[in-house]
Amino acid sequence: MLDGCSQPISSQSTPKEHIGDVVSYVYEPDSQEYLAAPQRFPLDPEISSVDALTALGSHLSQTYFSGDADSEAAPIRFNVLSVSRFQAAQRTYRVAVVDMIDPELEALEGFFQGSAGGLTTYYLLTATFMQPQQEPPLLDGLVLLYNGEAFPEIDHVNFRGIVTPDSVRAVVTKVLFRHRLEGSAATG
């Protein structure tokens, strides 16, 4: 228990809390490597972690989870419920609770199906929200809810409990390294 050490921040976070200088990335899905095409996603160092997560979640909704343009279904979206901060070992740690709102249950039926699809979705969500390439990462822990409830147990993916940056860091590092090499080869 973190008696007296935690400082929950709701979506109306205190004006003093800022994310600072974060080099953030968003990705495209890749059927073999899970993540591809890292693109910088500028975040103002003066915004709160809640606002940064809201912007990243909006990007995921409008790109990866956008679905069919002709569909009448409500889009999958993300609601940042809280970001708790606590001071330990000379730095501030952040743990967020984010609700994946999926009124038509499309994510479970489509995006999390099969091992490749489920892992791709897992890596896109965790890499985008946690930004594990940073030291320290944007988030040190992510609790992902599904329509306001605990994330269901599904094959290949574990969103039960707190997900940490270590669960995705190797995949993110690999895609960023590969992208830098490809960029160097194209210019050299």
C-alpha atoms as a PDB file:
ATOM      1  CA  MET A   1       0.000   0.000   0.000  1.00  0.00           C
ATOM      2  CA  LEU A   2       1.227   3.503  -0.765  1.00  0.00           C
ATOM      3  CA  ASP A   3      -0.226   5.260   2.286  1.00  0.00           C
ATOM      4  CA  GLY A   4       0.222   8.981   1.842  1.00  0.00           C
ATOM      5  CA  CYS A   5       2.603   8.579  -1.103  1.00  0.00           C
ATOM      6  CA  SER A   6       0.224   8.520  -4.024  1.00  0.00           C
ATOM      7  CA  GLN A   7      -1.264  11.609  -5.584  1.00  0.00           C
ATOM      8  CA  PRO A   8      -4.186  10.648  -7.815  1.00  0.00           C
ATOM      9  CA  ILE A   9      -4.848  13.037 -10.633  1.00  0.00           C
ATOM     10  CA  SER A  10      -8.219  12.975 -12.300  1.00  0.00           C
ATOM     11  CA  SER A  11      -8.958  14.290 -15.752  1.00  0.00           C
ATOM     12  CA  GLN A  12      -8.911  17.713 -14.136  1.00  0.00           C
ATOM     13  CA  SER A  13      -5.248  17.325 -13.216  1.00  0.00           C
ATOM     14  CA  THR A  14      -3.435  20.024 -11.360  1.00  0.00           C
ATOM     15  CA  PRO A  15      -1.871  22.745 -13.520  1.00  0.00           C
ATOM     16  CA  LYS A  16       1.570  22.084 -11.954  1.00  0.00           C
ATOM     17  CA  GLU A  17       1.791  18.558 -13.380  1.00  0.00           C
ATOM     18  CA  HIS A  18       3.423  18.498 -16.829  1.00  0.00           C
ATOM     19  CA  ILE A  19       4.814  15.646 -18.899  1.00  0.00           C
ATOM     20  CA  GLY A  20       8.057  17.478 -19.660  1.00  0.00           C
ATOM     21  CA  ASP A  21      10.185  16.749 -22.699  1.00  0.00           C
ATOM     22  CA  VAL A  22       8.913  13.472 -24.127  1.00  0.00           C
ATOM     23  CA  VAL A  23       9.836  12.212 -27.578  1.00  0.00           C
ATOM     24  CA  SER A  24       6.682  10.277 -28.350  1.00  0.00           C
ATOM     25  CA  TYR A  25       5.908   7.961 -31.247  1.00  0.00           C
ATOM     26  CA  VAL A  26       2.870   6.392 -32.839  1.00  0.00           C
ATOM     27  CA  TYR A  27       3.003   3.283 -34.999  1.00  0.00           C
ATOM     28  CA  GLU A  28       1.286   1.362 -37.732  1.00  0.00           C
ATOM     29  CA  PRO A  29       0.496  -2.330 -37.343  1.00  0.00           C
ATOM     30  CA  ASP A  30       2.781  -4.905 -38.892  1.00  0.00           C
ATOM     31  CA  SER A  31       1.699  -8.521 -39.368  1.00  0.00           C
ATOM     32  CA  GLN A  32       5.172  -9.918 -38.671  1.00  0.00           C
ATOM     33  CA  GLU A  33       6.907  -7.429 -36.374  1.00  0.00           C
ATOM     34  CA  TYR A  34       3.725  -6.120 -34.622  1.00  0.00           C
ATOM     35  CA  LEU A  35       4.814  -2.465 -34.948  1.00  0.00           C
ATOM     36  CA  ALA A  36       6.039  -0.543 -37.989  1.00  0.00           C
ATOM     37  CA  ALA A  37       6.516   2.962 -39.378  1.00  0.00           C
ATOM     38  CA  PRO A  38       7.217   4.887 -36.174  1.00  0.00           C
ATOM     39  CA  GLN A  39       6.219   8.518 -36.549  1.00  0.00           C
ATOM     40  CA  ARG A  40       6.937  11.260 -34.070  1.00  0.00           C
ATOM     41  CA  PHE A  41       3.837  12.469 -32.301  1.00  0.00           C
ATOM     42  CA  PRO A  42       4.597  15.894 -30.820  1.00  0.00           C
ATOM     43  CA  LEU A  43       3.348  16.498 -27.297  1.00  0.00           C
ATOM     44  CA  ASP A  44       3.698  19.899 -25.670  1.00  0.00           C
ATOM     45  CA  PRO A  45       5.964  19.537 -22.595  1.00  0.00           C
ATOM     46  CA  GLU A  46       3.564  21.801 -20.679  1.00  0.00           C
ATOM     47  CA  ILE A  47       0.492  19.563 -21.017  1.00  0.00           C
ATOM     48  CA  SER A  48      -0.609  17.195 -18.293  1.00  0.00           C
ATOM     49  CA  SER A  49      -0.194  13.444 -18.520  1.00  0.00           C
ATOM     50  CA  VAL A  50      -4.002  13.126 -18.738  1.00  0.00           C
ATOM     51  CA  ASP A  51      -4.072  15.447 -21.773  1.00  0.00           C
ATOM     52  CA  ALA A  52      -1.125  13.615 -23.382  1.00  0.00           C
ATOM     53  CA  LEU A  53      -2.838  10.240 -22.930  1.00  0.00           C
ATOM     54  CA  THR A  54      -6.103  11.682 -24.258  1.00  0.00           C
ATOM     55  CA  ALA A  55      -4.309  12.896 -27.411  1.00  0.00           C
ATOM     56  CA  LEU A  56      -2.600   9.522 -27.903  1.00  0.00           C
ATOM     57  CA  GLY A  57      -5.881   7.658 -27.353  1.00  0.00           C
ATOM     58  CA  SER A  58      -7.629   9.928 -29.850  1.00  0.00           C
ATOM     59  CA  HIS A  59      -4.936   9.128 -32.409  1.00  0.00           C
ATOM     60  CA  LEU A  60      -5.481   5.382 -31.877  1.00  0.00           C
ATOM     61  CA  SER A  61      -9.249   5.852 -32.261  1.00  0.00           C
ATOM     62  CA  GLN A  62      -8.889   7.791 -35.502  1.00  0.00           C
ATOM     63  CA  THR A  63      -6.287   5.503 -37.074  1.00  0.00           C
ATOM     64  CA  TYR A  64      -5.985   1.894 -35.944  1.00  0.00           C
ATOM     65  CA  PHE A  65      -9.485   1.595 -34.475  1.00  0.00           C
ATOM     66  CA  SER A  66     -11.265   3.819 -37.009  1.00  0.00           C
ATOM     67  CA  GLY A  67     -13.054   0.922 -38.704  1.00  0.00           C
ATOM     68  CA  ASP A  68     -15.077   1.189 -41.864  1.00  0.00           C
ATOM     69  CA  ALA A  69     -15.975   4.744 -42.933  1.00  0.00           C
ATOM     70  CA  ASP A  70     -19.419   3.483 -44.032  1.00  0.00           C
ATOM     71  CA  SER A  71     -20.107   1.786 -40.706  1.00  0.00           C
ATOM     72  CA  GLU A  72     -22.863   3.074 -38.433  1.00  0.00           C
ATOM     73  CA  ALA A  73     -21.088   1.621 -35.382  1.00  0.00           C
ATOM     74  CA  ALA A  74     -19.782   3.969 -32.729  1.00  0.00           C
ATOM     75  CA  PRO A  75     -16.000   4.213 -32.874  1.00  0.00           C
ATOM     76  CA  ILE A  76     -13.754   2.641 -30.297  1.00  0.00           C
ATOM     77  CA  ARG A  77     -12.413   5.391 -28.069  1.00  0.00           C
ATOM     78  CA  PHE A  78     -10.412   5.831 -24.887  1.00  0.00           C
ATOM     79  CA  ASN A  79     -11.288   7.658 -21.701  1.00  0.00           C
ATOM     80  CA  VAL A  80      -8.448   8.467 -19.302  1.00  0.00           C
ATOM     81  CA  LEU A  81     -10.006   7.891 -15.890  1.00  0.00           C
ATOM     82  CA  SER A  82      -7.010   8.740 -13.741  1.00  0.00           C
ATOM     83  CA  VAL A  83      -3.277   9.122 -13.552  1.00  0.00           C
ATOM     84  CA  SER A  84      -1.751   8.453 -10.162  1.00  0.00           C
ATOM     85  CA  ARG A  85       1.672   9.786  -9.391  1.00  0.00           C
ATOM     86  CA  PHE A  86       3.978   8.755  -6.610  1.00  0.00           C
ATOM     87  CA  GLN A  87       7.503   9.688  -5.696  1.00  0.00           C
ATOM     88  CA  ALA A  88      10.017   6.895  -5.179  1.00  0.00           C
ATOM     89  CA  ALA A  89      13.718   6.391  -5.817  1.00  0.00           C
ATOM     90  CA  GLN A  90      14.308  10.034  -6.765  1.00  0.00           C
ATOM     91  CA  ARG A  91      11.686  10.242  -9.513  1.00  0.00           C
ATOM     92  CA  THR A  92       7.967  10.412 -10.011  1.00  0.00           C
ATOM     93  CA  TYR A  93       6.194   7.280 -11.245  1.00  0.00           C
ATOM     94  CA  ARG A  94       2.900   7.438 -13.171  1.00  0.00           C
ATOM     95  CA  VAL A  95       0.230   4.751 -13.374  1.00  0.00           C
ATOM     96  CA  ALA A  96      -2.849   5.405 -15.529  1.00  0.00           C
ATOM     97  CA  VAL A  97      -6.281   3.854 -15.659  1.00  0.00           C
ATOM     98  CA  VAL A  98      -7.700   4.063 -19.186  1.00  0.00           C
ATOM     99  CA  ASP A  99     -11.106   2.783 -20.255  1.00  0.00           C
ATOM    100  CA  MET A 100     -11.367   1.348 -23.775  1.00  0.00           C
ATOM    101  CA  ILE A 101     -14.918   2.180 -24.792  1.00  0.00           C
ATOM    102  CA  ASP A 102     -16.155  -0.255 -27.415  1.00  0.00           C
ATOM    103  CA  PRO A 103     -19.979  -0.094 -27.606  1.00  0.00           C
ATOM    104  CA  GLU A 104     -20.218  -2.627 -30.457  1.00  0.00           C
ATOM    105  CA  LEU A 105     -17.626  -5.046 -28.966  1.00  0.00           C
ATOM    106  CA  GLU A 106     -15.621  -4.772 -32.192  1.00  0.00           C
ATOM    107  CA  ALA A 107     -12.219  -4.892 -30.501  1.00  0.00           C
ATOM    108  CA  LEU A 108     -12.726  -8.323 -28.965  1.00  0.00           C
ATOM    109  CA  GLU A 109     -14.287  -9.703 -32.127  1.00  0.00           C
ATOM    110  CA  GLY A 110     -11.767  -8.244 -34.564  1.00  0.00           C
ATOM    111  CA  PHE A 111      -8.674  -6.526 -33.185  1.00  0.00           C
ATOM    112  CA  PHE A 112      -7.823  -9.089 -30.500  1.00  0.00           C
ATOM    113  CA  GLN A 113      -8.542 -12.200 -32.578  1.00  0.00           C
ATOM    114  CA  GLY A 114      -5.682 -14.627 -33.242  1.00  0.00           C
ATOM    115  CA  SER A 115      -2.185 -14.484 -31.831  1.00  0.00           C
ATOM    116  CA  ALA A 116      -0.784 -12.007 -34.401  1.00  0.00           C
ATOM    117  CA  GLY A 117      -3.814  -9.703 -34.280  1.00  0.00           C
ATOM    118  CA  GLY A 118      -4.026  -9.797 -30.510  1.00  0.00           C
ATOM    119  CA  LEU A 119      -0.332  -9.121 -30.014  1.00  0.00           C
ATOM    120  CA  THR A 120      -0.296  -6.356 -32.621  1.00  0.00           C
ATOM    121  CA  THR A 121      -3.168  -4.618 -30.833  1.00  0.00           C
ATOM    122  CA  TYR A 122      -1.497  -5.170 -27.461  1.00  0.00           C
ATOM    123  CA  TYR A 123       1.785  -3.655 -28.660  1.00  0.00           C
ATOM    124  CA  LEU A 124       0.079  -0.710 -30.378  1.00  0.00           C
ATOM    125  CA  LEU A 125      -1.871   0.152 -27.230  1.00  0.00           C
ATOM    126  CA  THR A 126       0.951  -0.292 -24.742  1.00  0.00           C
ATOM    127  CA  ALA A 127       3.661   1.339 -26.885  1.00  0.00           C
ATOM    128  CA  THR A 128       1.442   4.314 -27.637  1.00  0.00           C
ATOM    129  CA  PHE A 129       0.230   4.954 -24.098  1.00  0.00           C
ATOM    130  CA  MET A 130       3.428   4.118 -22.177  1.00  0.00           C
ATOM    131  CA  GLN A 131       6.113   5.434 -24.574  1.00  0.00           C
ATOM    132  CA  PRO A 132       8.627   2.888 -23.179  1.00  0.00           C
ATOM    133  CA  GLN A 133      11.543   4.176 -25.299  1.00  0.00           C
ATOM    134  CA  GLN A 134      11.731   7.180 -22.966  1.00  0.00           C
ATOM    135  CA  GLU A 135      13.722   7.160 -19.750  1.00  0.00           C
ATOM    136  CA  PRO A 136      11.611   7.485 -17.727  1.00  0.00           C
ATOM    137  CA  PRO A 137       8.634   6.352 -19.816  1.00  0.00           C
ATOM    138  CA  LEU A 138       5.467   8.442 -20.059  1.00  0.00           C
ATOM    139  CA  LEU A 139       3.733   5.765 -17.958  1.00  0.00           C
ATOM    140  CA  ASP A 140       5.258   3.258 -15.578  1.00  0.00           C
ATOM    141  CA  GLY A 141       2.035   1.296 -15.474  1.00  0.00           C
ATOM    142  CA  LEU A 142      -1.196   0.995 -17.428  1.00  0.00           C
ATOM    143  CA  VAL A 143      -4.483  -0.451 -16.242  1.00  0.00           C
ATOM    144  CA  LEU A 144      -6.715  -0.914 -19.283  1.00  0.00           C
ATOM    145  CA  LEU A 145     -10.411  -1.394 -18.655  1.00  0.00           C
ATOM    146  CA  TYR A 146     -12.904  -2.535 -21.277  1.00  0.00           C
ATOM    147  CA  ASN A 147     -16.262  -0.738 -21.245  1.00  0.00           C
ATOM    148  CA  GLY A 148     -15.770   0.177 -17.601  1.00  0.00           C
ATOM    149  CA  GLU A 149     -14.990  -3.371 -16.473  1.00  0.00           C
ATOM    150  CA  ALA A 150     -11.815  -5.366 -15.923  1.00  0.00           C
ATOM    151  CA  PHE A 151     -10.340  -6.351 -19.270  1.00  0.00           C
ATOM    152  CA  PRO A 152     -11.638  -9.796 -20.234  1.00  0.00           C
ATOM    153  CA  GLU A 153      -9.319 -12.773 -20.265  1.00  0.00           C
ATOM    154  CA  ILE A 154      -8.368 -13.479 -23.858  1.00  0.00           C
ATOM    155  CA  ASP A 155      -5.765 -15.691 -25.487  1.00  0.00           C
ATOM    156  CA  HIS A 156      -2.348 -14.231 -26.345  1.00  0.00           C
ATOM    157  CA  VAL A 157      -2.839 -10.918 -24.482  1.00  0.00           C
ATOM    158  CA  ASN A 158      -2.816 -10.053 -20.785  1.00  0.00           C
ATOM    159  CA  PHE A 159      -4.400  -6.746 -19.857  1.00  0.00           C
ATOM    160  CA  ARG A 160      -5.386  -8.033 -16.426  1.00  0.00           C
ATOM    161  CA  GLY A 161      -3.742  -5.939 -13.723  1.00  0.00           C
ATOM    162  CA  ILE A 162      -0.996  -3.380 -14.304  1.00  0.00           C
ATOM    163  CA  VAL A 163       0.939  -3.583 -17.571  1.00  0.00           C
ATOM    164  CA  THR A 164       4.498  -2.222 -17.376  1.00  0.00           C
ATOM    165  CA  PRO A 165       6.819  -0.773 -20.037  1.00  0.00           C
ATOM    166  CA  ASP A 166       9.072  -3.842 -19.810  1.00  0.00           C
ATOM    167  CA  SER A 167       6.355  -5.899 -21.499  1.00  0.00           C
ATOM    168  CA  VAL A 168       6.734  -3.897 -24.732  1.00  0.00           C
ATOM    169  CA  ARG A 169      10.143  -2.204 -24.539  1.00  0.00           C
ATOM    170  CA  ALA A 170      12.034  -4.816 -26.626  1.00  0.00           C
ATOM    171  CA  VAL A 171       9.537  -4.625 -29.517  1.00  0.00           C
ATOM    172  CA  VAL A 172       9.578  -0.806 -29.468  1.00  0.00           C
ATOM    173  CA  THR A 173      13.369  -0.664 -29.325  1.00  0.00           C
ATOM    174  CA  LYS A 174      13.616  -3.070 -32.251  1.00  0.00           C
ATOM    175  CA  VAL A 175      11.234  -1.103 -34.498  1.00  0.00           C
ATOM    176  CA  LEU A 176      12.889   2.230 -33.643  1.00  0.00           C
ATOM    177  CA  PHE A 177      16.355   0.776 -34.340  1.00  0.00           C
ATOM    178  CA  ARG A 178      15.194  -0.792 -37.606  1.00  0.00           C
ATOM    179  CA  HIS A 179      13.557   2.469 -38.665  1.00  0.00           C
ATOM    180  CA  ARG A 180      16.754   4.453 -37.953  1.00  0.00           C
ATOM    181  CA  LEU A 181      18.777   1.974 -40.030  1.00  0.00           C
ATOM    182  CA  GLU A 182      16.317   2.169 -42.920  1.00  0.00           C
ATOM    183  CA  GLY A 183      16.373   5.973 -42.726  1.00  0.00           C
ATOM    184  CA  SER A 184      20.209   5.966 -42.752  1.00  0.00           C
ATOM    185  CA  ALA A 185      20.343   3.619 -45.755  1.00  0.00           C
ATOM    186  CA  ALA A 186      17.906   5.817 -47.701  1.00  0.00           C
ATOM    187  CA  THR A 187      19.978   8.958 -47.111  1.00  0.00           C
ATOM    188  CA  GLY A 188      23.409   7.390 -47.370  1.00  0.00           C
END
